[in-house]
Amino acid sequence: MIRQIYIYADTGTPVFSRKYAKVKEVDINELLKFIVPVAQNLNEGSIEHTDITRYRISYMRLGRYTNIFVSDRTSETARVEEALVNFSRHLETLNLNLPLSLEEVKILEKISEETVSLIPVKICLVGFGGVGKTTILKLLRYEEIPLRYEPTIFGERAMLVIPVGPYKAVLFTVGGQERFMPIWDILIRGSDVIFVVTDSTPENVERTKTHVLPIVRETAKYARIVAIANKQDLAMALPAYRVEQILGLKTFGCVAIDPAYRDSLLNMIKEILLS
């Protein structure tokens, strides 16, 4: 996902910027003091990247402007580069005046939002069979919630409308049976957010800690990982705080068959993406 966009004139003067999501662990303003001069010395049309912690800064000089995207390292480099090239070319077709007029700012805001929306946020639900991954997917998509368990074969994919600015999301679930675990990495790879789902029983939480978390952490080193302690309505369910202690992950308690949890889940996704 693209978190922030910056435009600089060939003089090094800031022209426009938009911050759609936070960038933590990094002082982006200080970093830009070093990035901008480097970017302005690039060959016209070439793209370079600087990776720092979980973020990637991509920059390109074209015509009168140097354009900089701050994205997650989970995003496909080729897609970010394509978005940056198209954004830069579009910018070159505009006869902008500096400083920008209010109308010109609105035009750049529209172009920026359209650009950000081109790279969907990838969210993946991971966990053993029967923990409620498909139910959570259907809950989030306002679909009929299944009350009978039907195993997911390989995985599922669905678009998700989330109340987070210009972002769109693609939601994946993995088949939870052990025979599908060797191919989980195919679905997990490139995820921006991973929800590790348990049914909150002591046995399942321990198995998740031992077998699921290592796969997730190895495959998606830069993803944001959160646990969902589902089926909190069952008598044997561990409370969410206890699941959090065992897994070492921020944990959200949930009863996925109850639509009352939908807004809380959507708000949690929003909080995770913007933080």
C-alpha atoms as a PDB file:
ATOM      1  CA  MET A   1       0.000   0.000   0.000  1.00  0.00           C
ATOM      2  CA  ILE A   2       1.141   3.522  -0.784  1.00  0.00           C
ATOM      3  CA  ARG A   3       1.126   5.532   2.434  1.00  0.00           C
ATOM      4  CA  GLN A   4       2.342   8.949   1.374  1.00  0.00           C
ATOM      5  CA  ILE A   5       3.004  10.948  -1.819  1.00  0.00           C
ATOM      6  CA  TYR A   6       5.365  13.899  -2.248  1.00  0.00           C
ATOM      7  CA  ILE A   7       6.028  16.178  -5.226  1.00  0.00           C
ATOM      8  CA  TYR A   8       9.068  18.469  -5.425  1.00  0.00           C
ATOM      9  CA  ALA A   9       9.915  21.047  -8.057  1.00  0.00           C
ATOM     10  CA  ASP A  10      13.277  20.857  -9.843  1.00  0.00           C
ATOM     11  CA  THR A  11      14.433  23.631  -7.492  1.00  0.00           C
ATOM     12  CA  GLY A  12      13.900  21.304  -4.509  1.00  0.00           C
ATOM     13  CA  THR A  13      10.832  23.242  -3.368  1.00  0.00           C
ATOM     14  CA  PRO A  14       7.918  21.147  -2.008  1.00  0.00           C
ATOM     15  CA  VAL A  15       4.956  21.372  -4.354  1.00  0.00           C
ATOM     16  CA  PHE A  16       2.388  18.949  -2.934  1.00  0.00           C
ATOM     17  CA  SER A  17       2.116  16.148  -0.396  1.00  0.00           C
ATOM     18  CA  ARG A  18      -0.534  13.832   0.973  1.00  0.00           C
ATOM     19  CA  LYS A  19      -0.275  11.490   3.942  1.00  0.00           C
ATOM     20  CA  TYR A  20      -2.907   8.764   3.800  1.00  0.00           C
ATOM     21  CA  ALA A  21      -1.383   6.605   6.540  1.00  0.00           C
ATOM     22  CA  LYS A  22       1.273   7.054   9.200  1.00  0.00           C
ATOM     23  CA  VAL A  23       4.920   6.111   8.843  1.00  0.00           C
ATOM     24  CA  LYS A  24       6.242   4.977  12.201  1.00  0.00           C
ATOM     25  CA  GLU A  25       9.806   4.273  13.330  1.00  0.00           C
ATOM     26  CA  VAL A  26      11.063   6.731  10.698  1.00  0.00           C
ATOM     27  CA  ASP A  27      11.295  10.538  10.659  1.00  0.00           C
ATOM     28  CA  ILE A  28      10.128  10.929   7.086  1.00  0.00           C
ATOM     29  CA  ASN A  29      10.802  14.674   6.989  1.00  0.00           C
ATOM     30  CA  GLU A  30      14.440  14.151   7.942  1.00  0.00           C
ATOM     31  CA  LEU A  31      14.749  11.290   5.491  1.00  0.00           C
ATOM     32  CA  LEU A  32      13.389  13.409   2.646  1.00  0.00           C
ATOM     33  CA  LYS A  33      16.206  15.913   3.191  1.00  0.00           C
ATOM     34  CA  PHE A  34      18.568  13.200   1.959  1.00  0.00           C
ATOM     35  CA  ILE A  35      16.273  11.528  -0.571  1.00  0.00           C
ATOM     36  CA  VAL A  36      15.247  14.626  -2.548  1.00  0.00           C
ATOM     37  CA  PRO A  37      18.789  15.676  -3.658  1.00  0.00           C
ATOM     38  CA  VAL A  38      19.553  12.064  -4.620  1.00  0.00           C
ATOM     39  CA  ALA A  39      16.308  11.781  -6.590  1.00  0.00           C
ATOM     40  CA  GLN A  40      16.934  15.047  -8.433  1.00  0.00           C
ATOM     41  CA  ASN A  41      20.283  13.735  -9.687  1.00  0.00           C
ATOM     42  CA  LEU A  42      18.766  10.611 -11.219  1.00  0.00           C
ATOM     43  CA  ASN A  43      18.614  10.156 -14.955  1.00  0.00           C
ATOM     44  CA  GLU A  44      15.241  11.368 -16.125  1.00  0.00           C
ATOM     45  CA  GLY A  45      12.668   8.592 -16.001  1.00  0.00           C
ATOM     46  CA  SER A  46      14.737   6.225 -13.871  1.00  0.00           C
ATOM     47  CA  ILE A  47      13.444   4.920 -10.524  1.00  0.00           C
ATOM     48  CA  GLU A  48      15.348   4.169  -7.354  1.00  0.00           C
ATOM     49  CA  HIS A  49      14.242   2.769  -3.998  1.00  0.00           C
ATOM     50  CA  THR A  50      15.416   3.126  -0.429  1.00  0.00           C
ATOM     51  CA  ASP A  51      14.260   0.504   2.076  1.00  0.00           C
ATOM     52  CA  ILE A  52      14.149   1.374   5.756  1.00  0.00           C
ATOM     53  CA  THR A  53      12.501  -0.784   8.442  1.00  0.00           C
ATOM     54  CA  ARG A  54       9.123  -1.892   7.011  1.00  0.00           C
ATOM     55  CA  TYR A  55       8.895   0.901   4.432  1.00  0.00           C
ATOM     56  CA  ARG A  56      10.108   1.525   0.877  1.00  0.00           C
ATOM     57  CA  ILE A  57      10.724   5.028  -0.488  1.00  0.00           C
ATOM     58  CA  SER A  58      10.484   5.085  -4.289  1.00  0.00           C
ATOM     59  CA  TYR A  59      11.512   8.157  -6.276  1.00  0.00           C
ATOM     60  CA  MET A  60      11.624   9.338  -9.853  1.00  0.00           C
ATOM     61  CA  ARG A  61      12.508  12.538 -11.695  1.00  0.00           C
ATOM     62  CA  LEU A  62      10.507  13.415 -14.803  1.00  0.00           C
ATOM     63  CA  GLY A  63      10.372  16.840 -16.403  1.00  0.00           C
ATOM     64  CA  ARG A  64       9.973  19.641 -13.863  1.00  0.00           C
ATOM     65  CA  TYR A  65       9.155  17.377 -10.927  1.00  0.00           C
ATOM     66  CA  THR A  66      10.603  14.790  -8.606  1.00  0.00           C
ATOM     67  CA  ASN A  67       7.929  12.418  -7.297  1.00  0.00           C
ATOM     68  CA  ILE A  68       8.284  10.304  -4.185  1.00  0.00           C
ATOM     69  CA  PHE A  69       6.078   7.460  -2.924  1.00  0.00           C
ATOM     70  CA  VAL A  70       6.319   5.969   0.551  1.00  0.00           C
ATOM     71  CA  SER A  71       4.895   2.451   0.545  1.00  0.00           C
ATOM     72  CA  ASP A  72       5.050  -0.722   2.599  1.00  0.00           C
ATOM     73  CA  ARG A  73       7.812  -3.177   1.685  1.00  0.00           C
ATOM     74  CA  THR A  74       5.063  -5.779   1.375  1.00  0.00           C
ATOM     75  CA  SER A  75       3.848  -4.114  -1.827  1.00  0.00           C
ATOM     76  CA  GLU A  76       5.068  -5.533  -5.134  1.00  0.00           C
ATOM     77  CA  THR A  77       7.900  -3.345  -6.395  1.00  0.00           C
ATOM     78  CA  ALA A  78       6.722  -3.625 -10.007  1.00  0.00           C
ATOM     79  CA  ARG A  79       3.242  -2.346  -9.117  1.00  0.00           C
ATOM     80  CA  VAL A  80       4.620   0.591  -7.139  1.00  0.00           C
ATOM     81  CA  GLU A  81       6.947   1.482 -10.013  1.00  0.00           C
ATOM     82  CA  GLU A  82       4.080   1.302 -12.501  1.00  0.00           C
ATOM     83  CA  ALA A  83       1.981   3.581 -10.301  1.00  0.00           C
ATOM     84  CA  LEU A  84       4.881   6.015  -9.907  1.00  0.00           C
ATOM     85  CA  VAL A  85       5.535   6.157 -13.675  1.00  0.00           C
ATOM     86  CA  ASN A  86       1.860   6.727 -14.503  1.00  0.00           C
ATOM     87  CA  PHE A  87       1.560   9.371 -11.779  1.00  0.00           C
ATOM     88  CA  SER A  88       4.672  11.181 -13.037  1.00  0.00           C
ATOM     89  CA  ARG A  89       3.535  11.102 -16.662  1.00  0.00           C
ATOM     90  CA  HIS A  90       0.100  12.403 -15.720  1.00  0.00           C
ATOM     91  CA  LEU A  91       1.711  15.189 -13.728  1.00  0.00           C
ATOM     92  CA  GLU A  92       3.772  16.226 -16.755  1.00  0.00           C
ATOM     93  CA  THR A  93       0.602  16.776 -18.790  1.00  0.00           C
ATOM     94  CA  LEU A  94      -0.618  19.387 -16.310  1.00  0.00           C
ATOM     95  CA  ASN A  95       0.405  22.991 -16.759  1.00  0.00           C
ATOM     96  CA  LEU A  96       0.748  23.724 -13.062  1.00  0.00           C
ATOM     97  CA  ASN A  97       1.582  27.105 -11.639  1.00  0.00           C
ATOM     98  CA  LEU A  98       3.617  27.490  -8.474  1.00  0.00           C
ATOM     99  CA  PRO A  99       2.399  28.053  -5.877  1.00  0.00           C
ATOM    100  CA  LEU A 100      -0.576  25.853  -6.678  1.00  0.00           C
ATOM    101  CA  SER A 101      -4.043  27.281  -6.898  1.00  0.00           C
ATOM    102  CA  LEU A 102      -6.850  25.689  -4.908  1.00  0.00           C
ATOM    103  CA  GLU A 103      -8.180  24.129  -8.104  1.00  0.00           C
ATOM    104  CA  GLU A 104      -4.769  22.646  -8.916  1.00  0.00           C
ATOM    105  CA  VAL A 105      -4.511  21.196  -5.417  1.00  0.00           C
ATOM    106  CA  LYS A 106      -7.869  19.507  -5.919  1.00  0.00           C
ATOM    107  CA  ILE A 107      -6.671  18.041  -9.224  1.00  0.00           C
ATOM    108  CA  LEU A 108      -3.549  16.612  -7.572  1.00  0.00           C
ATOM    109  CA  GLU A 109      -5.605  15.250  -4.688  1.00  0.00           C
ATOM    110  CA  LYS A 110      -7.819  13.394  -7.165  1.00  0.00           C
ATOM    111  CA  ILE A 111      -4.844  11.980  -9.086  1.00  0.00           C
ATOM    112  CA  SER A 112      -3.143  10.929  -5.830  1.00  0.00           C
ATOM    113  CA  GLU A 113      -6.213   9.162  -4.481  1.00  0.00           C
ATOM    114  CA  GLU A 114      -6.738   7.327  -7.758  1.00  0.00           C
ATOM    115  CA  THR A 115      -3.091   6.254  -7.699  1.00  0.00           C
ATOM    116  CA  VAL A 116      -3.256   4.959  -4.124  1.00  0.00           C
ATOM    117  CA  SER A 117      -6.428   2.999  -4.882  1.00  0.00           C
ATOM    118  CA  LEU A 118      -4.699   1.111  -7.711  1.00  0.00           C
ATOM    119  CA  ILE A 119      -2.685  -0.978  -5.252  1.00  0.00           C
ATOM    120  CA  PRO A 120      -5.157  -2.834  -3.018  1.00  0.00           C
ATOM    121  CA  VAL A 121      -4.267  -3.642   0.566  1.00  0.00           C
ATOM    122  CA  LYS A 122      -3.756  -7.382   0.932  1.00  0.00           C
ATOM    123  CA  ILE A 123      -5.247  -8.890   4.108  1.00  0.00           C
ATOM    124  CA  CYS A 124      -4.825 -12.589   4.849  1.00  0.00           C
ATOM    125  CA  LEU A 125      -6.670 -14.719   7.405  1.00  0.00           C
ATOM    126  CA  VAL A 126      -4.481 -17.609   8.555  1.00  0.00           C
ATOM    127  CA  GLY A 127      -5.281 -20.460  10.923  1.00  0.00           C
ATOM    128  CA  PHE A 128      -6.257 -24.080  11.226  1.00  0.00           C
ATOM    129  CA  GLY A 129      -9.506 -25.472   9.848  1.00  0.00           C
ATOM    130  CA  GLY A 130     -12.721 -24.706  11.685  1.00  0.00           C
ATOM    131  CA  VAL A 131     -11.510 -21.600  13.522  1.00  0.00           C
ATOM    132  CA  GLY A 132     -13.821 -19.263  11.596  1.00  0.00           C
ATOM    133  CA  LYS A 133     -11.732 -17.666   8.836  1.00  0.00           C
ATOM    134  CA  THR A 134     -14.435 -17.950   6.157  1.00  0.00           C
ATOM    135  CA  THR A 135     -17.080 -16.783   8.622  1.00  0.00           C
ATOM    136  CA  ILE A 136     -15.018 -13.666   9.371  1.00  0.00           C
ATOM    137  CA  LEU A 137     -14.617 -13.010   5.635  1.00  0.00           C
ATOM    138  CA  LYS A 138     -18.356 -13.233   5.087  1.00  0.00           C
ATOM    139  CA  LEU A 139     -19.060 -11.125   8.185  1.00  0.00           C
ATOM    140  CA  LEU A 140     -16.831  -8.339   6.864  1.00  0.00           C
ATOM    141  CA  ARG A 141     -18.450  -8.504   3.431  1.00  0.00           C
ATOM    142  CA  TYR A 142     -22.022  -8.342   4.799  1.00  0.00           C
ATOM    143  CA  GLU A 143     -22.757 -11.785   3.382  1.00  0.00           C
ATOM    144  CA  GLU A 144     -24.859 -14.563   4.852  1.00  0.00           C
ATOM    145  CA  ILE A 145     -22.920 -16.103   7.729  1.00  0.00           C
ATOM    146  CA  PRO A 146     -22.552 -19.899   7.435  1.00  0.00           C
ATOM    147  CA  LEU A 147     -23.631 -21.853  10.498  1.00  0.00           C
ATOM    148  CA  ARG A 148     -22.274 -25.179   9.221  1.00  0.00           C
ATOM    149  CA  TYR A 149     -18.574 -25.785   8.769  1.00  0.00           C
ATOM    150  CA  GLU A 150     -17.431 -26.457   5.225  1.00  0.00           C
ATOM    151  CA  PRO A 151     -13.654 -26.769   4.782  1.00  0.00           C
ATOM    152  CA  THR A 152     -12.001 -24.212   2.499  1.00  0.00           C
ATOM    153  CA  ILE A 153     -10.152 -25.839  -0.386  1.00  0.00           C
ATOM    154  CA  PHE A 154      -6.774 -24.147  -0.973  1.00  0.00           C
ATOM    155  CA  GLY A 155      -8.036 -20.635  -0.170  1.00  0.00           C
ATOM    156  CA  GLU A 156     -10.548 -17.889  -0.886  1.00  0.00           C
ATOM    157  CA  ARG A 157     -10.236 -14.376  -2.290  1.00  0.00           C
ATOM    158  CA  ALA A 158     -12.704 -11.505  -2.056  1.00  0.00           C
ATOM    159  CA  MET A 159     -12.729  -7.716  -2.360  1.00  0.00           C
ATOM    160  CA  LEU A 160     -13.505  -5.755   0.770  1.00  0.00           C
ATOM    161  CA  VAL A 161     -14.764  -2.193   1.103  1.00  0.00           C
ATOM    162  CA  ILE A 162     -13.090  -0.591   4.098  1.00  0.00           C
ATOM    163  CA  PRO A 163     -13.679   2.881   5.547  1.00  0.00           C
ATOM    164  CA  VAL A 164     -10.065   3.954   5.065  1.00  0.00           C
ATOM    165  CA  GLY A 165      -9.650   6.887   2.685  1.00  0.00           C
ATOM    166  CA  PRO A 166      -8.874   5.818  -0.887  1.00  0.00           C
ATOM    167  CA  TYR A 167      -7.775   2.302   0.014  1.00  0.00           C
ATOM    168  CA  LYS A 168      -9.360  -0.871  -1.292  1.00  0.00           C
ATOM    169  CA  ALA A 169      -8.637  -4.276   0.174  1.00  0.00           C
ATOM    170  CA  VAL A 170      -8.345  -7.830  -1.085  1.00  0.00           C
ATOM    171  CA  LEU A 171      -9.121 -10.395   1.582  1.00  0.00           C
ATOM    172  CA  PHE A 172      -7.584 -13.878   1.426  1.00  0.00           C
ATOM    173  CA  THR A 173      -8.164 -16.955   3.556  1.00  0.00           C
ATOM    174  CA  VAL A 174      -6.017 -20.075   3.543  1.00  0.00           C
ATOM    175  CA  GLY A 175      -7.270 -23.634   3.595  1.00  0.00           C
ATOM    176  CA  GLY A 176      -6.801 -24.666   7.220  1.00  0.00           C
ATOM    177  CA  GLN A 177      -6.311 -28.402   6.789  1.00  0.00           C
ATOM    178  CA  GLU A 178      -2.752 -29.579   7.373  1.00  0.00           C
ATOM    179  CA  ARG A 179      -2.463 -30.819   3.773  1.00  0.00           C
ATOM    180  CA  PHE A 180      -2.665 -27.174   2.618  1.00  0.00           C
ATOM    181  CA  MET A 181      -0.076 -25.788   5.040  1.00  0.00           C
ATOM    182  CA  PRO A 182       2.892 -26.371   2.687  1.00  0.00           C
ATOM    183  CA  ILE A 183       1.354 -23.902   0.215  1.00  0.00           C
ATOM    184  CA  TRP A 184       0.286 -21.242   2.725  1.00  0.00           C
ATOM    185  CA  ASP A 185       3.296 -19.152   1.805  1.00  0.00           C
ATOM    186  CA  ILE A 186       1.850 -18.641  -1.689  1.00  0.00           C
ATOM    187  CA  LEU A 187      -1.219 -16.913  -0.253  1.00  0.00           C
ATOM    188  CA  ILE A 188       0.522 -15.202   2.665  1.00  0.00           C
ATOM    189  CA  ARG A 189       3.355 -13.651   0.629  1.00  0.00           C
ATOM    190  CA  GLY A 190       2.872  -9.938  -0.023  1.00  0.00           C
ATOM    191  CA  SER A 191       0.239  -9.458   2.687  1.00  0.00           C
ATOM    192  CA  ASP A 192       0.062  -6.030   4.302  1.00  0.00           C
ATOM    193  CA  VAL A 193      -1.948  -7.353   7.249  1.00  0.00           C
ATOM    194  CA  ILE A 194      -2.215 -10.906   8.550  1.00  0.00           C
ATOM    195  CA  PHE A 195      -4.882 -12.004  10.986  1.00  0.00           C
ATOM    196  CA  VAL A 196      -3.898 -15.161  12.827  1.00  0.00           C
ATOM    197  CA  VAL A 197      -7.250 -16.737  13.725  1.00  0.00           C
ATOM    198  CA  THR A 198      -7.791 -19.180  16.592  1.00  0.00           C
ATOM    199  CA  ASP A 199     -10.937 -20.718  18.051  1.00  0.00           C
ATOM    200  CA  SER A 200      -9.692 -19.646  21.506  1.00  0.00           C
ATOM    201  CA  THR A 201      -9.444 -23.174  22.888  1.00  0.00           C
ATOM    202  CA  PRO A 202      -6.188 -23.858  24.794  1.00  0.00           C
ATOM    203  CA  GLU A 203      -5.185 -26.639  22.399  1.00  0.00           C
ATOM    204  CA  ASN A 204      -5.764 -24.576  19.268  1.00  0.00           C
ATOM    205  CA  VAL A 205      -3.992 -21.511  20.659  1.00  0.00           C
ATOM    206  CA  GLU A 206      -0.912 -23.589  21.544  1.00  0.00           C
ATOM    207  CA  ARG A 207      -0.901 -25.286  18.119  1.00  0.00           C
ATOM    208  CA  THR A 208      -1.227 -21.886  16.486  1.00  0.00           C
ATOM    209  CA  LYS A 209       1.757 -20.608  18.449  1.00  0.00           C
ATOM    210  CA  THR A 210       3.855 -23.649  17.545  1.00  0.00           C
ATOM    211  CA  HIS A 211       2.867 -24.285  13.921  1.00  0.00           C
ATOM    212  CA  VAL A 212       1.191 -21.184  12.429  1.00  0.00           C
ATOM    213  CA  LEU A 213       3.199 -18.252  13.784  1.00  0.00           C
ATOM    214  CA  PRO A 214       6.580 -19.522  12.526  1.00  0.00           C
ATOM    215  CA  ILE A 215       5.201 -19.809   8.970  1.00  0.00           C
ATOM    216  CA  VAL A 216       3.656 -16.336   9.116  1.00  0.00           C
ATOM    217  CA  ARG A 217       6.745 -14.644  10.542  1.00  0.00           C
ATOM    218  CA  GLU A 218       9.073 -16.319   8.077  1.00  0.00           C
ATOM    219  CA  THR A 219       6.929 -15.638   5.008  1.00  0.00           C
ATOM    220  CA  ALA A 220       5.729 -12.106   5.781  1.00  0.00           C
ATOM    221  CA  LYS A 221       8.491 -10.386   7.716  1.00  0.00           C
ATOM    222  CA  TYR A 222       7.177  -6.862   7.133  1.00  0.00           C
ATOM    223  CA  ALA A 223       3.431  -7.485   7.479  1.00  0.00           C
ATOM    224  CA  ARG A 224       1.406  -6.245  10.409  1.00  0.00           C
ATOM    225  CA  ILE A 225       0.316  -9.324  12.354  1.00  0.00           C
ATOM    226  CA  VAL A 226      -2.681  -9.392  14.693  1.00  0.00           C
ATOM    227  CA  ALA A 227      -4.540 -12.294  16.295  1.00  0.00           C
ATOM    228  CA  ILE A 228      -8.286 -12.878  16.365  1.00  0.00           C
ATOM    229  CA  ALA A 229      -9.522 -14.954  19.296  1.00  0.00           C
ATOM    230  CA  ASN A 230     -12.735 -16.199  17.706  1.00  0.00           C
ATOM    231  CA  LYS A 231     -15.590 -18.165  19.288  1.00  0.00           C
ATOM    232  CA  GLN A 232     -15.455 -16.238  22.534  1.00  0.00           C
ATOM    233  CA  ASP A 233     -19.024 -17.414  23.184  1.00  0.00           C
ATOM    234  CA  LEU A 234     -17.905 -20.995  23.816  1.00  0.00           C
ATOM    235  CA  ALA A 235     -17.453 -22.273  27.355  1.00  0.00           C
ATOM    236  CA  MET A 236     -13.887 -23.518  26.783  1.00  0.00           C
ATOM    237  CA  ALA A 237     -12.702 -20.301  25.153  1.00  0.00           C
ATOM    238  CA  LEU A 238      -9.714 -18.515  26.622  1.00  0.00           C
ATOM    239  CA  PRO A 239     -10.314 -14.765  27.025  1.00  0.00           C
ATOM    240  CA  ALA A 240      -8.663 -12.546  24.415  1.00  0.00           C
ATOM    241  CA  TYR A 241      -6.115 -11.160  26.881  1.00  0.00           C
ATOM    242  CA  ARG A 242      -4.916 -14.703  27.666  1.00  0.00           C
ATOM    243  CA  VAL A 243      -4.622 -15.560  23.959  1.00  0.00           C
ATOM    244  CA  GLU A 244      -2.608 -12.356  23.555  1.00  0.00           C
ATOM    245  CA  GLN A 245      -0.242 -13.428  26.327  1.00  0.00           C
ATOM    246  CA  ILE A 246       0.323 -16.853  24.773  1.00  0.00           C
ATOM    247  CA  LEU A 247       0.775 -15.701  21.169  1.00  0.00           C
ATOM    248  CA  GLY A 248       2.599 -12.475  21.932  1.00  0.00           C
ATOM    249  CA  LEU A 249       0.344 -10.647  19.468  1.00  0.00           C
ATOM    250  CA  LYS A 250      -2.213  -7.914  19.874  1.00  0.00           C
ATOM    251  CA  THR A 251      -5.460  -9.899  20.036  1.00  0.00           C
ATOM    252  CA  PHE A 252      -9.055  -9.043  19.241  1.00  0.00           C
ATOM    253  CA  GLY A 253     -11.824 -11.108  20.821  1.00  0.00           C
ATOM    254  CA  CYS A 254     -14.597 -12.039  18.411  1.00  0.00           C
ATOM    255  CA  VAL A 255     -17.741 -14.084  17.828  1.00  0.00           C
ATOM    256  CA  ALA A 256     -17.783 -14.174  14.034  1.00  0.00           C
ATOM    257  CA  ILE A 257     -21.312 -15.543  13.751  1.00  0.00           C
ATOM    258  CA  ASP A 258     -22.579 -12.390  15.525  1.00  0.00           C
ATOM    259  CA  PRO A 259     -22.992  -9.391  13.146  1.00  0.00           C
ATOM    260  CA  ALA A 260     -22.549  -7.073  16.136  1.00  0.00           C
ATOM    261  CA  TYR A 261     -18.783  -7.663  15.801  1.00  0.00           C
ATOM    262  CA  ARG A 262     -18.602  -6.412  12.199  1.00  0.00           C
ATOM    263  CA  ASP A 263     -18.059  -2.721  12.933  1.00  0.00           C
ATOM    264  CA  SER A 264     -15.446  -3.483  15.564  1.00  0.00           C
ATOM    265  CA  LEU A 265     -13.520  -5.661  13.101  1.00  0.00           C
ATOM    266  CA  LEU A 266     -13.692  -3.019  10.371  1.00  0.00           C
ATOM    267  CA  ASN A 267     -12.531  -0.330  12.783  1.00  0.00           C
ATOM    268  CA  MET A 268      -9.653  -2.565  13.872  1.00  0.00           C
ATOM    269  CA  ILE A 269      -8.584  -2.992  10.249  1.00  0.00           C
ATOM    270  CA  LYS A 270      -8.742   0.767   9.777  1.00  0.00           C
ATOM    271  CA  GLU A 271      -6.621   1.361  12.863  1.00  0.00           C
ATOM    272  CA  ILE A 272      -4.007  -1.182  11.776  1.00  0.00           C
ATOM    273  CA  LEU A 273      -3.724   0.182   8.249  1.00  0.00           C
ATOM    274  CA  LEU A 274      -3.408   3.814   9.259  1.00  0.00           C
ATOM    275  CA  SER A 275      -0.919   3.186  12.080  1.00  0.00           C
END
